[in-house]
Amino acid sequence: LREQTHLPIVVDPSHGTGKRSLVASMALAAIAAGADGLMIESEPNPDAAKCDASQTIDPAELATIARKAMAIAELLKVEDLALA
């Protein structure tokens, strides 16, 4: 995709997998593959989310993903990683 556009590449591993158990690994894989940012659904009580509960993670898991994503980005020298 990077060869086709100058725009930032943001990956949504929540909707992309539809499964909570896959969100972290897909998010980190996206950063390792060169994504500029992530968009992840998070809710204090994911099972009670009004929409997309099966793919929603809790804030603690989001913080873990963010920490690991930043570490990967640092190793790969990615600047301005966006986490939303």
C-alpha atoms as a PDB file:
ATOM      1  CA  LEU A   1       0.000   0.000   0.000  1.00  0.00           C
ATOM      2  CA  ARG A   2       2.837   2.372   0.793  1.00  0.00           C
ATOM      3  CA  GLU A   3       3.944   2.158  -2.827  1.00  0.00           C
ATOM      4  CA  GLN A   4       0.488   3.328  -3.938  1.00  0.00           C
ATOM      5  CA  THR A   5      -0.059   6.358  -1.693  1.00  0.00           C
ATOM      6  CA  HIS A   6       1.678   9.033   0.327  1.00  0.00           C
ATOM      7  CA  LEU A   7      -1.127   8.925   2.904  1.00  0.00           C
ATOM      8  CA  PRO A   8      -0.659   7.431   6.388  1.00  0.00           C
ATOM      9  CA  ILE A   9      -1.597   3.774   6.721  1.00  0.00           C
ATOM     10  CA  VAL A  10      -3.812   3.025   9.717  1.00  0.00           C
ATOM     11  CA  VAL A  11      -4.780  -0.570  10.493  1.00  0.00           C
ATOM     12  CA  ASP A  12      -7.890  -1.690  12.358  1.00  0.00           C
ATOM     13  CA  PRO A  13      -7.119  -5.113  13.860  1.00  0.00           C
ATOM     14  CA  SER A  14     -10.421  -5.087  15.771  1.00  0.00           C
ATOM     15  CA  HIS A  15     -12.663  -5.131  12.700  1.00  0.00           C
ATOM     16  CA  GLY A  16     -10.025  -6.830  10.577  1.00  0.00           C
ATOM     17  CA  THR A  17     -10.171  -9.994  12.691  1.00  0.00           C
ATOM     18  CA  GLY A  18     -13.467  -9.711  14.546  1.00  0.00           C
ATOM     19  CA  LYS A  19     -11.945 -11.666  17.438  1.00  0.00           C
ATOM     20  CA  ARG A  20     -10.634 -10.195  20.659  1.00  0.00           C
ATOM     21  CA  SER A  21      -7.988 -12.914  20.928  1.00  0.00           C
ATOM     22  CA  LEU A  22      -6.380 -11.838  17.643  1.00  0.00           C
ATOM     23  CA  VAL A  23      -6.332  -8.064  18.110  1.00  0.00           C
ATOM     24  CA  ALA A  24      -2.961  -7.808  19.880  1.00  0.00           C
ATOM     25  CA  SER A  25      -1.005 -10.047  17.526  1.00  0.00           C
ATOM     26  CA  MET A  26      -2.502  -8.438  14.409  1.00  0.00           C
ATOM     27  CA  ALA A  27      -1.873  -4.939  15.775  1.00  0.00           C
ATOM     28  CA  LEU A  28       1.782  -5.693  16.428  1.00  0.00           C
ATOM     29  CA  ALA A  29       2.155  -7.418  13.067  1.00  0.00           C
ATOM     30  CA  ALA A  30       0.708  -4.322  11.378  1.00  0.00           C
ATOM     31  CA  ILE A  31       3.291  -2.075  13.052  1.00  0.00           C
ATOM     32  CA  ALA A  32       6.090  -4.493  12.158  1.00  0.00           C
ATOM     33  CA  ALA A  33       4.848  -4.452   8.546  1.00  0.00           C
ATOM     34  CA  GLY A  34       5.084  -0.664   8.425  1.00  0.00           C
ATOM     35  CA  ALA A  35       1.676   0.696   9.432  1.00  0.00           C
ATOM     36  CA  ASP A  36       1.675   4.284  10.645  1.00  0.00           C
ATOM     37  CA  GLY A  37      -1.025   3.765  13.240  1.00  0.00           C
ATOM     38  CA  LEU A  38      -3.672   1.574  14.801  1.00  0.00           C
ATOM     39  CA  MET A  39      -7.371   1.978  15.467  1.00  0.00           C
ATOM     40  CA  ILE A  40      -8.528  -0.408  18.199  1.00  0.00           C
ATOM     41  CA  GLU A  41     -11.877  -0.700  19.964  1.00  0.00           C
ATOM     42  CA  SER A  42     -11.561  -0.552  23.745  1.00  0.00           C
ATOM     43  CA  GLU A  43     -14.168  -0.594  26.503  1.00  0.00           C
ATOM     44  CA  PRO A  44     -13.839  -0.990  30.307  1.00  0.00           C
ATOM     45  CA  ASN A  45     -16.147  -4.015  30.126  1.00  0.00           C
ATOM     46  CA  PRO A  46     -15.679  -5.462  26.611  1.00  0.00           C
ATOM     47  CA  ASP A  47     -18.303  -8.172  27.028  1.00  0.00           C
ATOM     48  CA  ALA A  48     -20.918  -5.484  27.712  1.00  0.00           C
ATOM     49  CA  ALA A  49     -19.984  -3.311  24.715  1.00  0.00           C
ATOM     50  CA  LYS A  50     -23.129  -2.242  22.848  1.00  0.00           C
ATOM     51  CA  CYS A  51     -21.435  -2.873  19.522  1.00  0.00           C
ATOM     52  CA  ASP A  52     -18.743  -5.330  18.419  1.00  0.00           C
ATOM     53  CA  ALA A  53     -18.227  -6.874  21.861  1.00  0.00           C
ATOM     54  CA  SER A  54     -16.463  -9.914  20.396  1.00  0.00           C
ATOM     55  CA  GLN A  55     -13.616  -7.770  19.075  1.00  0.00           C
ATOM     56  CA  THR A  56     -13.384  -5.146  21.808  1.00  0.00           C
ATOM     57  CA  ILE A  57     -10.511  -5.213  24.304  1.00  0.00           C
ATOM     58  CA  ASP A  58     -10.204  -3.674  27.754  1.00  0.00           C
ATOM     59  CA  PRO A  59      -8.043  -0.607  28.515  1.00  0.00           C
ATOM     60  CA  ALA A  60      -5.327  -2.684  30.189  1.00  0.00           C
ATOM     61  CA  GLU A  61      -4.876  -4.767  27.027  1.00  0.00           C
ATOM     62  CA  LEU A  62      -4.889  -1.592  24.947  1.00  0.00           C
ATOM     63  CA  ALA A  63      -2.108  -0.151  27.118  1.00  0.00           C
ATOM     64  CA  THR A  64      -0.075  -3.339  26.679  1.00  0.00           C
ATOM     65  CA  ILE A  65      -0.537  -3.225  22.903  1.00  0.00           C
ATOM     66  CA  ALA A  66       0.426   0.465  22.816  1.00  0.00           C
ATOM     67  CA  ARG A  67       3.587  -0.173  24.843  1.00  0.00           C
ATOM     68  CA  LYS A  68       4.636  -3.080  22.613  1.00  0.00           C
ATOM     69  CA  ALA A  69       3.748  -1.204  19.419  1.00  0.00           C
ATOM     70  CA  MET A  70       5.885   1.744  20.474  1.00  0.00           C
ATOM     71  CA  ALA A  71       8.784  -0.608  21.204  1.00  0.00           C
ATOM     72  CA  ILE A  72       8.482  -2.186  17.755  1.00  0.00           C
ATOM     73  CA  ALA A  73       8.231   1.238  16.122  1.00  0.00           C
ATOM     74  CA  GLU A  74      11.342   2.373  17.979  1.00  0.00           C
ATOM     75  CA  LEU A  75      13.268  -0.696  16.833  1.00  0.00           C
ATOM     76  CA  LEU A  76      12.176  -0.077  13.254  1.00  0.00           C
ATOM     77  CA  LYS A  77      12.837   3.677  13.500  1.00  0.00           C
ATOM     78  CA  VAL A  78       9.193   4.562  12.784  1.00  0.00           C
ATOM     79  CA  GLU A  79       8.484   8.215  13.596  1.00  0.00           C
ATOM     80  CA  ASP A  80       5.146   9.604  14.742  1.00  0.00           C
ATOM     81  CA  LEU A  81       3.322   6.325  15.360  1.00  0.00           C
ATOM     82  CA  ALA A  82      -0.377   7.080  15.837  1.00  0.00           C
ATOM     83  CA  LEU A  83      -2.457   5.035  18.249  1.00  0.00           C
ATOM     84  CA  ALA A  84      -6.168   5.805  18.362  1.00  0.00           C
END
